[in-house]
């Protein structure tokens, strides 16, 4: 399951947009309640975006399990992923994509 550079860029960009939601814990009774359904919808939107640029139809599980997010994005980075993406002018200049 190889992802194209365009697909990788879309995954990174969408993860940056939805990062707070995807990393948050389920908190009931809180002002900003996060549910598993909300997370599933964010992953579905990301998958739809990946499928819009790729040749292969990816499933949510393929996109969600992609090692780009798990291994190539530093968790303690002070620079937001979206800023990193914008500074790099897209996927072809992203240093983390060169390690994949």
PDB file of N, CA and C in Angstrom:
ATOM      1  N   UNK A   1       0.838  -1.167   0.000  1.00  0.00           N
ATOM      2  CA  UNK A   1       0.000   0.000   0.000  1.00  0.00           C
ATOM      3  C   UNK A   1       0.891   1.242   0.000  1.00  0.00           C
ATOM      4  N   UNK A   2       1.309   1.657  -1.163  1.00  0.00           N
ATOM      5  CA  UNK A   2       2.127   2.846  -1.315  1.00  0.00           C
ATOM      6  C   UNK A   2       1.243   4.043  -1.604  1.00  0.00           C
ATOM      7  N   UNK A   3       1.545   5.140  -0.952  1.00  0.00           N
ATOM      8  CA  UNK A   3       0.809   6.375  -1.165  1.00  0.00           C
ATOM      9  C   UNK A   3       1.638   7.306  -2.035  1.00  0.00           C
ATOM     10  N   UNK A   4       0.984   7.994  -2.949  1.00  0.00           N
ATOM     11  CA  UNK A   4       1.678   8.958  -3.809  1.00  0.00           C
ATOM     12  C   UNK A   4       2.045  10.192  -2.983  1.00  0.00           C
ATOM     13  N   UNK A   5       2.922  11.001  -3.538  1.00  0.00           N
ATOM     14  CA  UNK A   5       3.311  12.245  -2.852  1.00  0.00           C
ATOM     15  C   UNK A   5       2.094  13.136  -2.621  1.00  0.00           C
ATOM     16  N   UNK A   6       1.199  13.193  -3.605  1.00  0.00           N
ATOM     17  CA  UNK A   6      -0.015  13.997  -3.458  1.00  0.00           C
ATOM     18  C   UNK A   6      -0.904  13.486  -2.337  1.00  0.00           C
ATOM     19  N   UNK A   7      -1.039  12.162  -2.250  1.00  0.00           N
ATOM     20  CA  UNK A   7      -1.839  11.570  -1.178  1.00  0.00           C
ATOM     21  C   UNK A   7      -1.206  11.854   0.184  1.00  0.00           C
ATOM     22  N   UNK A   8       0.108  11.743   0.269  1.00  0.00           N
ATOM     23  CA  UNK A   8       0.799  12.024   1.529  1.00  0.00           C
ATOM     24  C   UNK A   8       0.573  13.472   1.961  1.00  0.00           C
ATOM     25  N   UNK A   9       0.654  14.373   0.999  1.00  0.00           N
ATOM     26  CA  UNK A   9       0.451  15.791   1.312  1.00  0.00           C
ATOM     27  C   UNK A   9      -0.963  16.044   1.825  1.00  0.00           C
ATOM     28  N   UNK A  10      -1.939  15.395   1.213  1.00  0.00           N
ATOM     29  CA  UNK A  10      -3.332  15.561   1.632  1.00  0.00           C
ATOM     30  C   UNK A  10      -3.529  15.001   3.042  1.00  0.00           C
ATOM     31  N   UNK A  11      -2.922  13.864   3.331  1.00  0.00           N
ATOM     32  CA  UNK A  11      -3.035  13.282   4.670  1.00  0.00           C
ATOM     33  C   UNK A  11      -2.439  14.228   5.709  1.00  0.00           C
ATOM     34  N   UNK A  12      -1.265  14.753   5.426  1.00  0.00           N
ATOM     35  CA  UNK A  12      -0.608  15.667   6.368  1.00  0.00           C
ATOM     36  C   UNK A  12      -1.435  16.934   6.553  1.00  0.00           C
ATOM     37  N   UNK A  13      -1.905  17.496   5.458  1.00  0.00           N
ATOM     38  CA  UNK A  13      -2.687  18.727   5.545  1.00  0.00           C
ATOM     39  C   UNK A  13      -3.981  18.499   6.337  1.00  0.00           C
ATOM     40  N   UNK A  14      -4.684  17.426   6.043  1.00  0.00           N
ATOM     41  CA  UNK A  14      -5.931  17.141   6.750  1.00  0.00           C
ATOM     42  C   UNK A  14      -5.678  16.791   8.208  1.00  0.00           C
ATOM     43  N   UNK A  15      -4.604  16.081   8.485  1.00  0.00           N
ATOM     44  CA  UNK A  15      -4.280  15.773   9.868  1.00  0.00           C
ATOM     45  C   UNK A  15      -4.002  17.063  10.637  1.00  0.00           C
ATOM     46  N   UNK A  16      -3.317  17.995  10.008  1.00  0.00           N
ATOM     47  CA  UNK A  16      -3.039  19.279  10.656  1.00  0.00           C
ATOM     48  C   UNK A  16      -4.341  20.020  10.968  1.00  0.00           C
ATOM     49  N   UNK A  17      -5.271  19.964  10.054  1.00  0.00           N
ATOM     50  CA  UNK A  17      -6.553  20.643  10.250  1.00  0.00           C
ATOM     51  C   UNK A  17      -7.347  19.991  11.379  1.00  0.00           C
ATOM     52  N   UNK A  18      -7.353  18.671  11.441  1.00  0.00           N
ATOM     53  CA  UNK A  18      -8.181  17.927  12.399  1.00  0.00           C
ATOM     54  C   UNK A  18      -7.399  17.407  13.608  1.00  0.00           C
ATOM     55  N   UNK A  19      -6.150  17.817  13.754  1.00  0.00           N
ATOM     56  CA  UNK A  19      -5.264  17.262  14.783  1.00  0.00           C
ATOM     57  C   UNK A  19      -5.859  17.339  16.184  1.00  0.00           C
ATOM     58  N   UNK A  20      -6.378  18.498  16.570  1.00  0.00           N
ATOM     59  CA  UNK A  20      -6.911  18.650  17.922  1.00  0.00           C
ATOM     60  C   UNK A  20      -8.069  17.689  18.173  1.00  0.00           C
ATOM     61  N   UNK A  21      -8.931  17.544  17.196  1.00  0.00           N
ATOM     62  CA  UNK A  21     -10.064  16.630  17.317  1.00  0.00           C
ATOM     63  C   UNK A  21      -9.591  15.179  17.384  1.00  0.00           C
ATOM     64  N   UNK A  22      -8.689  14.807  16.491  1.00  0.00           N
ATOM     65  CA  UNK A  22      -8.250  13.418  16.409  1.00  0.00           C
ATOM     66  C   UNK A  22      -7.442  12.975  17.627  1.00  0.00           C
ATOM     67  N   UNK A  23      -6.742  13.887  18.263  1.00  0.00           N
ATOM     68  CA  UNK A  23      -5.915  13.533  19.407  1.00  0.00           C
ATOM     69  C   UNK A  23      -6.639  13.690  20.741  1.00  0.00           C
ATOM     70  N   UNK A  24      -7.823  14.293  20.748  1.00  0.00           N
ATOM     71  CA  UNK A  24      -8.510  14.533  22.013  1.00  0.00           C
ATOM     72  C   UNK A  24      -9.187  13.280  22.532  1.00  0.00           C
ATOM     73  N   UNK A  25      -9.340  13.273  23.822  1.00  0.00           N
ATOM     74  CA  UNK A  25     -10.005  12.161  24.496  1.00  0.00           C
ATOM     75  C   UNK A  25     -11.502  12.436  24.523  1.00  0.00           C
ATOM     76  N   UNK A  26     -12.274  11.380  24.624  1.00  0.00           N
ATOM     77  CA  UNK A  26     -13.726  11.508  24.746  1.00  0.00           C
ATOM     78  C   UNK A  26     -14.048  12.119  26.109  1.00  0.00           C
ATOM     79  N   UNK A  27     -14.665  13.291  26.088  1.00  0.00           N
ATOM     80  CA  UNK A  27     -15.002  13.971  27.335  1.00  0.00           C
ATOM     81  C   UNK A  27     -16.481  14.307  27.310  1.00  0.00           C
ATOM     82  N   UNK A  28     -17.239  13.643  28.152  1.00  0.00           N
ATOM     83  CA  UNK A  28     -18.670  13.938  28.196  1.00  0.00           C
ATOM     84  C   UNK A  28     -18.931  15.036  29.224  1.00  0.00           C
ATOM     85  N   UNK A  29     -19.967  15.803  28.988  1.00  0.00           N
ATOM     86  CA  UNK A  29     -20.328  16.878  29.897  1.00  0.00           C
ATOM     87  C   UNK A  29     -19.417  18.082  29.809  1.00  0.00           C
ATOM     88  N   UNK A  30     -18.521  18.072  28.883  1.00  0.00           N
ATOM     89  CA  UNK A  30     -17.581  19.180  28.697  1.00  0.00           C
ATOM     90  C   UNK A  30     -18.123  20.117  27.634  1.00  0.00           C
ATOM     91  N   UNK A  31     -17.720  21.360  27.693  1.00  0.00           N
ATOM     92  CA  UNK A  31     -18.198  22.366  26.740  1.00  0.00           C
ATOM     93  C   UNK A  31     -17.917  21.958  25.294  1.00  0.00           C
ATOM     94  N   UNK A  32     -16.769  21.381  25.048  1.00  0.00           N
ATOM     95  CA  UNK A  32     -16.373  20.965  23.705  1.00  0.00           C
ATOM     96  C   UNK A  32     -16.340  19.437  23.654  1.00  0.00           C
ATOM     97  N   UNK A  33     -17.479  18.828  23.643  1.00  0.00           N
ATOM     98  CA  UNK A  33     -17.587  17.374  23.675  1.00  0.00           C
ATOM     99  C   UNK A  33     -17.044  16.774  22.370  1.00  0.00           C
ATOM    100  N   UNK A  34     -16.153  15.819  22.508  1.00  0.00           N
ATOM    101  CA  UNK A  34     -15.589  15.104  21.368  1.00  0.00           C
ATOM    102  C   UNK A  34     -16.090  13.671  21.425  1.00  0.00           C
ATOM    103  N   UNK A  35     -16.657  13.219  20.337  1.00  0.00           N
ATOM    104  CA  UNK A  35     -17.159  11.848  20.285  1.00  0.00           C
ATOM    105  C   UNK A  35     -16.400  11.052  19.237  1.00  0.00           C
ATOM    106  N   UNK A  36     -16.516   9.743  19.331  1.00  0.00           N
ATOM    107  CA  UNK A  36     -15.893   8.887  18.318  1.00  0.00           C
ATOM    108  C   UNK A  36     -16.507   9.154  16.952  1.00  0.00           C
ATOM    109  N   UNK A  37     -17.780   9.492  16.906  1.00  0.00           N
ATOM    110  CA  UNK A  37     -18.427   9.800  15.624  1.00  0.00           C
ATOM    111  C   UNK A  37     -17.774  11.020  14.972  1.00  0.00           C
ATOM    112  N   UNK A  38     -17.439  12.022  15.774  1.00  0.00           N
ATOM    113  CA  UNK A  38     -16.778  13.213  15.234  1.00  0.00           C
ATOM    114  C   UNK A  38     -15.402  12.852  14.663  1.00  0.00           C
ATOM    115  N   UNK A  39     -14.683  11.982  15.368  1.00  0.00           N
ATOM    116  CA  UNK A  39     -13.375  11.551  14.888  1.00  0.00           C
ATOM    117  C   UNK A  39     -13.518  10.736  13.602  1.00  0.00           C
ATOM    118  N   UNK A  40     -14.506   9.834  13.580  1.00  0.00           N
ATOM    119  CA  UNK A  40     -14.751   9.028  12.380  1.00  0.00           C
ATOM    120  C   UNK A  40     -15.084   9.902  11.181  1.00  0.00           C
ATOM    121  N   UNK A  41     -15.873  10.945  11.412  1.00  0.00           N
ATOM    122  CA  UNK A  41     -16.225  11.869  10.325  1.00  0.00           C
ATOM    123  C   UNK A  41     -15.000  12.619   9.816  1.00  0.00           C
ATOM    124  N   UNK A  42     -14.099  13.002  10.715  1.00  0.00           N
ATOM    125  CA  UNK A  42     -12.859  13.682  10.303  1.00  0.00           C
ATOM    126  C   UNK A  42     -11.995  12.743   9.462  1.00  0.00           C
ATOM    127  N   UNK A  43     -11.896  11.470   9.873  1.00  0.00           N
ATOM    128  CA  UNK A  43     -11.127  10.498   9.085  1.00  0.00           C
ATOM    129  C   UNK A  43     -11.790  10.264   7.730  1.00  0.00           C
ATOM    130  N   UNK A  44     -13.123  10.255   7.688  1.00  0.00           N
ATOM    131  CA  UNK A  44     -13.824  10.064   6.417  1.00  0.00           C
ATOM    132  C   UNK A  44     -13.573  11.245   5.485  1.00  0.00           C
ATOM    133  N   UNK A  45     -13.599  12.466   6.021  1.00  0.00           N
ATOM    134  CA  UNK A  45     -13.302  13.654   5.195  1.00  0.00           C
ATOM    135  C   UNK A  45     -11.873  13.575   4.655  1.00  0.00           C
ATOM    136  N   UNK A  46     -10.946  13.151   5.497  1.00  0.00           N
ATOM    137  CA  UNK A  46      -9.555  13.006   5.064  1.00  0.00           C
ATOM    138  C   UNK A  46      -9.451  11.967   3.960  1.00  0.00           C
ATOM    139  N   UNK A  47     -10.115  10.838   4.141  1.00  0.00           N
ATOM    140  CA  UNK A  47     -10.095   9.777   3.125  1.00  0.00           C
ATOM    141  C   UNK A  47     -10.708  10.252   1.818  1.00  0.00           C
ATOM    142  N   UNK A  48     -11.803  10.991   1.885  1.00  0.00           N
ATOM    143  CA  UNK A  48     -12.420  11.541   0.677  1.00  0.00           C
ATOM    144  C   UNK A  48     -11.454  12.469  -0.051  1.00  0.00           C
ATOM    145  N   UNK A  49     -10.707  13.274   0.706  1.00  0.00           N
ATOM    146  CA  UNK A  49      -9.725  14.182   0.099  1.00  0.00           C
ATOM    147  C   UNK A  49      -8.585  13.403  -0.549  1.00  0.00           C
ATOM    148  N   UNK A  50      -8.136  12.342   0.110  1.00  0.00           N
ATOM    149  CA  UNK A  50      -7.076  11.500  -0.455  1.00  0.00           C
ATOM    150  C   UNK A  50      -7.557  10.857  -1.750  1.00  0.00           C
ATOM    151  N   UNK A  51      -8.769  10.345  -1.740  1.00  0.00           N
ATOM    152  CA  UNK A  51      -9.317   9.687  -2.931  1.00  0.00           C
ATOM    153  C   UNK A  51      -9.552  10.671  -4.077  1.00  0.00           C
ATOM    154  N   UNK A  52      -9.712  11.942  -3.763  1.00  0.00           N
ATOM    155  CA  UNK A  52      -9.902  12.954  -4.807  1.00  0.00           C
ATOM    156  C   UNK A  52      -8.617  13.216  -5.588  1.00  0.00           C
ATOM    157  N   UNK A  53      -7.456  12.966  -4.963  1.00  0.00           N
ATOM    158  CA  UNK A  53      -6.178  13.232  -5.654  1.00  0.00           C
ATOM    159  C   UNK A  53      -5.459  11.969  -6.102  1.00  0.00           C
ATOM    160  N   UNK A  54      -5.839  10.834  -5.553  1.00  0.00           N
ATOM    161  CA  UNK A  54      -5.121   9.593  -5.857  1.00  0.00           C
ATOM    162  C   UNK A  54      -5.765   8.775  -6.952  1.00  0.00           C
ATOM    163  N   UNK A  55      -5.031   7.770  -7.402  1.00  0.00           N
ATOM    164  CA  UNK A  55      -5.550   6.854  -8.418  1.00  0.00           C
ATOM    165  C   UNK A  55      -6.303   5.696  -7.785  1.00  0.00           C
ATOM    166  N   UNK A  56      -5.880   5.291  -6.596  1.00  0.00           N
ATOM    167  CA  UNK A  56      -6.505   4.167  -5.901  1.00  0.00           C
ATOM    168  C   UNK A  56      -7.556   4.679  -4.932  1.00  0.00           C
ATOM    169  N   UNK A  57      -8.617   3.910  -4.760  1.00  0.00           N
ATOM    170  CA  UNK A  57      -9.634   4.252  -3.779  1.00  0.00           C
ATOM    171  C   UNK A  57      -9.179   3.701  -2.425  1.00  0.00           C
ATOM    172  N   UNK A  58      -8.850   4.597  -1.516  1.00  0.00           N
ATOM    173  CA  UNK A  58      -8.366   4.216  -0.191  1.00  0.00           C
ATOM    174  C   UNK A  58      -9.542   4.083   0.773  1.00  0.00           C
ATOM    175  N   UNK A  59      -9.376   3.213   1.750  1.00  0.00           N
ATOM    176  CA  UNK A  59     -10.373   3.089   2.806  1.00  0.00           C
ATOM    177  C   UNK A  59      -9.946   3.960   3.983  1.00  0.00           C
ATOM    178  N   UNK A  60     -10.870   4.206   4.881  1.00  0.00           N
ATOM    179  CA  UNK A  60     -10.548   4.973   6.082  1.00  0.00           C
ATOM    180  C   UNK A  60      -9.438   4.277   6.861  1.00  0.00           C
ATOM    181  N   UNK A  61      -9.514   2.963   6.968  1.00  0.00           N
ATOM    182  CA  UNK A  61      -8.488   2.221   7.724  1.00  0.00           C
ATOM    183  C   UNK A  61      -7.103   2.346   7.090  1.00  0.00           C
ATOM    184  N   UNK A  62      -7.039   2.384   5.755  1.00  0.00           N
ATOM    185  CA  UNK A  62      -5.741   2.558   5.088  1.00  0.00           C
ATOM    186  C   UNK A  62      -5.164   3.934   5.397  1.00  0.00           C
ATOM    187  N   UNK A  63      -6.004   4.951   5.313  1.00  0.00           N
ATOM    188  CA  UNK A  63      -5.537   6.320   5.563  1.00  0.00           C
ATOM    189  C   UNK A  63      -5.196   6.499   7.038  1.00  0.00           C
ATOM    190  N   UNK A  64      -6.045   5.993   7.890  1.00  0.00           N
ATOM    191  CA  UNK A  64      -5.849   6.110   9.336  1.00  0.00           C
ATOM    192  C   UNK A  64      -4.602   5.357   9.785  1.00  0.00           C
ATOM    193  N   UNK A  65      -4.323   4.239   9.175  1.00  0.00           N
ATOM    194  CA  UNK A  65      -3.166   3.434   9.557  1.00  0.00           C
ATOM    195  C   UNK A  65      -1.893   3.802   8.830  1.00  0.00           C
ATOM    196  N   UNK A  66      -1.939   4.848   8.022  1.00  0.00           N
ATOM    197  CA  UNK A  66      -0.774   5.258   7.254  1.00  0.00           C
ATOM    198  C   UNK A  66       0.362   5.662   8.181  1.00  0.00           C
ATOM    199  N   UNK A  67       1.552   5.201   7.889  1.00  0.00           N
ATOM    200  CA  UNK A  67       2.708   5.449   8.746  1.00  0.00           C
ATOM    201  C   UNK A  67       3.209   6.888   8.682  1.00  0.00           C
ATOM    202  N   UNK A  68       2.690   7.678   7.768  1.00  0.00           N
ATOM    203  CA  UNK A  68       3.100   9.089   7.699  1.00  0.00           C
ATOM    204  C   UNK A  68       2.816   9.758   9.029  1.00  0.00           C
ATOM    205  N   UNK A  69       1.618   9.573   9.520  1.00  0.00           N
ATOM    206  CA  UNK A  69       1.222  10.215  10.771  1.00  0.00           C
ATOM    207  C   UNK A  69       1.918   9.553  11.949  1.00  0.00           C
ATOM    208  N   UNK A  70       2.014   8.244  11.933  1.00  0.00           N
ATOM    209  CA  UNK A  70       2.557   7.507  13.072  1.00  0.00           C
ATOM    210  C   UNK A  70       4.062   7.644  13.250  1.00  0.00           C
ATOM    211  N   UNK A  71       4.819   7.773  12.171  1.00  0.00           N
ATOM    212  CA  UNK A  71       6.273   7.734  12.313  1.00  0.00           C
ATOM    213  C   UNK A  71       7.010   8.971  11.810  1.00  0.00           C
ATOM    214  N   UNK A  72       6.422   9.742  10.945  1.00  0.00           N
ATOM    215  CA  UNK A  72       7.184  10.816  10.312  1.00  0.00           C
ATOM    216  C   UNK A  72       6.876  12.211  10.831  1.00  0.00           C
ATOM    217  N   UNK A  73       5.862  12.341  11.641  1.00  0.00           N
ATOM    218  CA  UNK A  73       5.538  13.659  12.176  1.00  0.00           C
ATOM    219  C   UNK A  73       5.958  13.684  13.632  1.00  0.00           C
ATOM    220  N   UNK A  74       6.919  14.526  13.970  1.00  0.00           N
ATOM    221  CA  UNK A  74       7.385  14.582  15.355  1.00  0.00           C
ATOM    222  C   UNK A  74       6.260  15.007  16.284  1.00  0.00           C
ATOM    223  N   UNK A  75       6.049  14.287  17.364  1.00  0.00           N
ATOM    224  CA  UNK A  75       4.950  14.596  18.273  1.00  0.00           C
ATOM    225  C   UNK A  75       5.251  15.804  19.148  1.00  0.00           C
ATOM    226  N   UNK A  76       6.499  16.113  19.359  1.00  0.00           N
ATOM    227  CA  UNK A  76       6.849  17.232  20.227  1.00  0.00           C
ATOM    228  C   UNK A  76       7.274  18.464  19.433  1.00  0.00           C
ATOM    229  N   UNK A  77       6.833  18.551  18.198  1.00  0.00           N
ATOM    230  CA  UNK A  77       7.202  19.672  17.353  1.00  0.00           C
ATOM    231  C   UNK A  77       6.448  20.927  17.777  1.00  0.00           C
ATOM    232  N   UNK A  78       7.146  22.049  17.945  1.00  0.00           N
ATOM    233  CA  UNK A  78       6.509  23.297  18.322  1.00  0.00           C
ATOM    234  C   UNK A  78       5.833  23.983  17.146  1.00  0.00           C
ATOM    235  N   UNK A  79       6.196  23.608  15.943  1.00  0.00           N
ATOM    236  CA  UNK A  79       5.604  24.197  14.757  1.00  0.00           C
ATOM    237  C   UNK A  79       4.393  23.360  14.375  1.00  0.00           C
ATOM    238  N   UNK A  80       3.248  24.025  14.177  1.00  0.00           N
ATOM    239  CA  UNK A  80       2.059  23.262  13.808  1.00  0.00           C
ATOM    240  C   UNK A  80       2.262  22.621  12.439  1.00  0.00           C
ATOM    241  N   UNK A  81       1.579  21.521  12.215  1.00  0.00           N
ATOM    242  CA  UNK A  81       1.699  20.823  10.943  1.00  0.00           C
ATOM    243  C   UNK A  81       1.252  21.704   9.787  1.00  0.00           C
ATOM    244  N   UNK A  82       0.202  22.480  10.005  1.00  0.00           N
ATOM    245  CA  UNK A  82      -0.284  23.341   8.935  1.00  0.00           C
ATOM    246  C   UNK A  82       0.754  24.402   8.581  1.00  0.00           C
ATOM    247  N   UNK A  83       1.414  24.984   9.583  1.00  0.00           N
ATOM    248  CA  UNK A  83       2.474  25.956   9.313  1.00  0.00           C
ATOM    249  C   UNK A  83       3.623  25.287   8.562  1.00  0.00           C
ATOM    250  N   UNK A  84       3.972  24.068   8.977  1.00  0.00           N
ATOM    251  CA  UNK A  84       5.030  23.332   8.306  1.00  0.00           C
ATOM    252  C   UNK A  84       4.683  23.111   6.846  1.00  0.00           C
ATOM    253  N   UNK A  85       3.442  22.712   6.593  1.00  0.00           N
ATOM    254  CA  UNK A  85       2.992  22.474   5.225  1.00  0.00           C
ATOM    255  C   UNK A  85       3.060  23.762   4.403  1.00  0.00           C
ATOM    256  N   UNK A  86       2.605  24.869   4.973  1.00  0.00           N
ATOM    257  CA  UNK A  86       2.618  26.151   4.255  1.00  0.00           C
ATOM    258  C   UNK A  86       4.044  26.637   4.007  1.00  0.00           C
ATOM    259  N   UNK A  87       4.921  26.471   5.004  1.00  0.00           N
ATOM    260  CA  UNK A  87       6.310  26.913   4.847  1.00  0.00           C
ATOM    261  C   UNK A  87       7.017  26.117   3.764  1.00  0.00           C
ATOM    262  N   UNK A  88       6.631  24.880   3.598  1.00  0.00           N
ATOM    263  CA  UNK A  88       7.308  24.011   2.635  1.00  0.00           C
ATOM    264  C   UNK A  88       6.749  24.152   1.228  1.00  0.00           C
ATOM    265  N   UNK A  89       5.718  24.971   1.039  1.00  0.00           N
ATOM    266  CA  UNK A  89       5.104  25.152  -0.280  1.00  0.00           C
ATOM    267  C   UNK A  89       4.599  23.840  -0.859  1.00  0.00           C
ATOM    268  N   UNK A  90       4.059  22.995  -0.037  1.00  0.00           N
ATOM    269  CA  UNK A  90       3.501  21.751  -0.544  1.00  0.00           C
ATOM    270  C   UNK A  90       4.377  20.548  -0.253  1.00  0.00           C
ATOM    271  N   UNK A  91       3.908  19.407  -0.681  1.00  0.00           N
ATOM    272  CA  UNK A  91       4.522  18.132  -0.314  1.00  0.00           C
ATOM    273  C   UNK A  91       5.925  17.944  -0.876  1.00  0.00           C
ATOM    274  N   UNK A  92       6.194  18.426  -2.080  1.00  0.00           N
ATOM    275  CA  UNK A  92       7.488  18.145  -2.691  1.00  0.00           C
ATOM    276  C   UNK A  92       8.635  18.754  -1.896  1.00  0.00           C
ATOM    277  N   UNK A  93       8.370  19.765  -1.065  1.00  0.00           N
ATOM    278  CA  UNK A  93       9.430  20.390  -0.295  1.00  0.00           C
ATOM    279  C   UNK A  93       9.388  20.031   1.182  1.00  0.00           C
ATOM    280  N   UNK A  94       8.481  19.168   1.574  1.00  0.00           N
ATOM    281  CA  UNK A  94       8.386  18.791   2.979  1.00  0.00           C
ATOM    282  C   UNK A  94       9.500  17.809   3.335  1.00  0.00           C
ATOM    283  N   UNK A  95      10.371  18.170   4.257  1.00  0.00           N
ATOM    284  CA  UNK A  95      11.482  17.278   4.597  1.00  0.00           C
ATOM    285  C   UNK A  95      11.020  15.946   5.161  1.00  0.00           C
ATOM    286  N   UNK A  96       9.904  15.915   5.877  1.00  0.00           N
ATOM    287  CA  UNK A  96       9.461  14.653   6.464  1.00  0.00           C
ATOM    288  C   UNK A  96       9.007  13.674   5.409  1.00  0.00           C
ATOM    289  N   UNK A  97       8.567  14.155   4.254  1.00  0.00           N
ATOM    290  CA  UNK A  97       8.139  13.244   3.206  1.00  0.00           C
ATOM    291  C   UNK A  97       9.324  12.562   2.541  1.00  0.00           C
ATOM    292  N   UNK A  98      10.478  13.178   2.621  1.00  0.00           N
ATOM    293  CA  UNK A  98      11.660  12.579   2.009  1.00  0.00           C
ATOM    294  C   UNK A  98      12.138  11.356   2.774  1.00  0.00           C
ATOM    295  N   UNK A  99      11.690  11.192   4.019  1.00  0.00           N
ATOM    296  CA  UNK A  99      12.114  10.057   4.842  1.00  0.00           C
ATOM    297  C   UNK A  99      11.205   8.848   4.664  1.00  0.00           C
ATOM    298  N   UNK A 100      10.123   8.991   3.925  1.00  0.00           N
ATOM    299  CA  UNK A 100       9.142   7.912   3.785  1.00  0.00           C
ATOM    300  C   UNK A 100       9.537   6.971   2.668  1.00  0.00           C
TER     301      UNK A 100
END
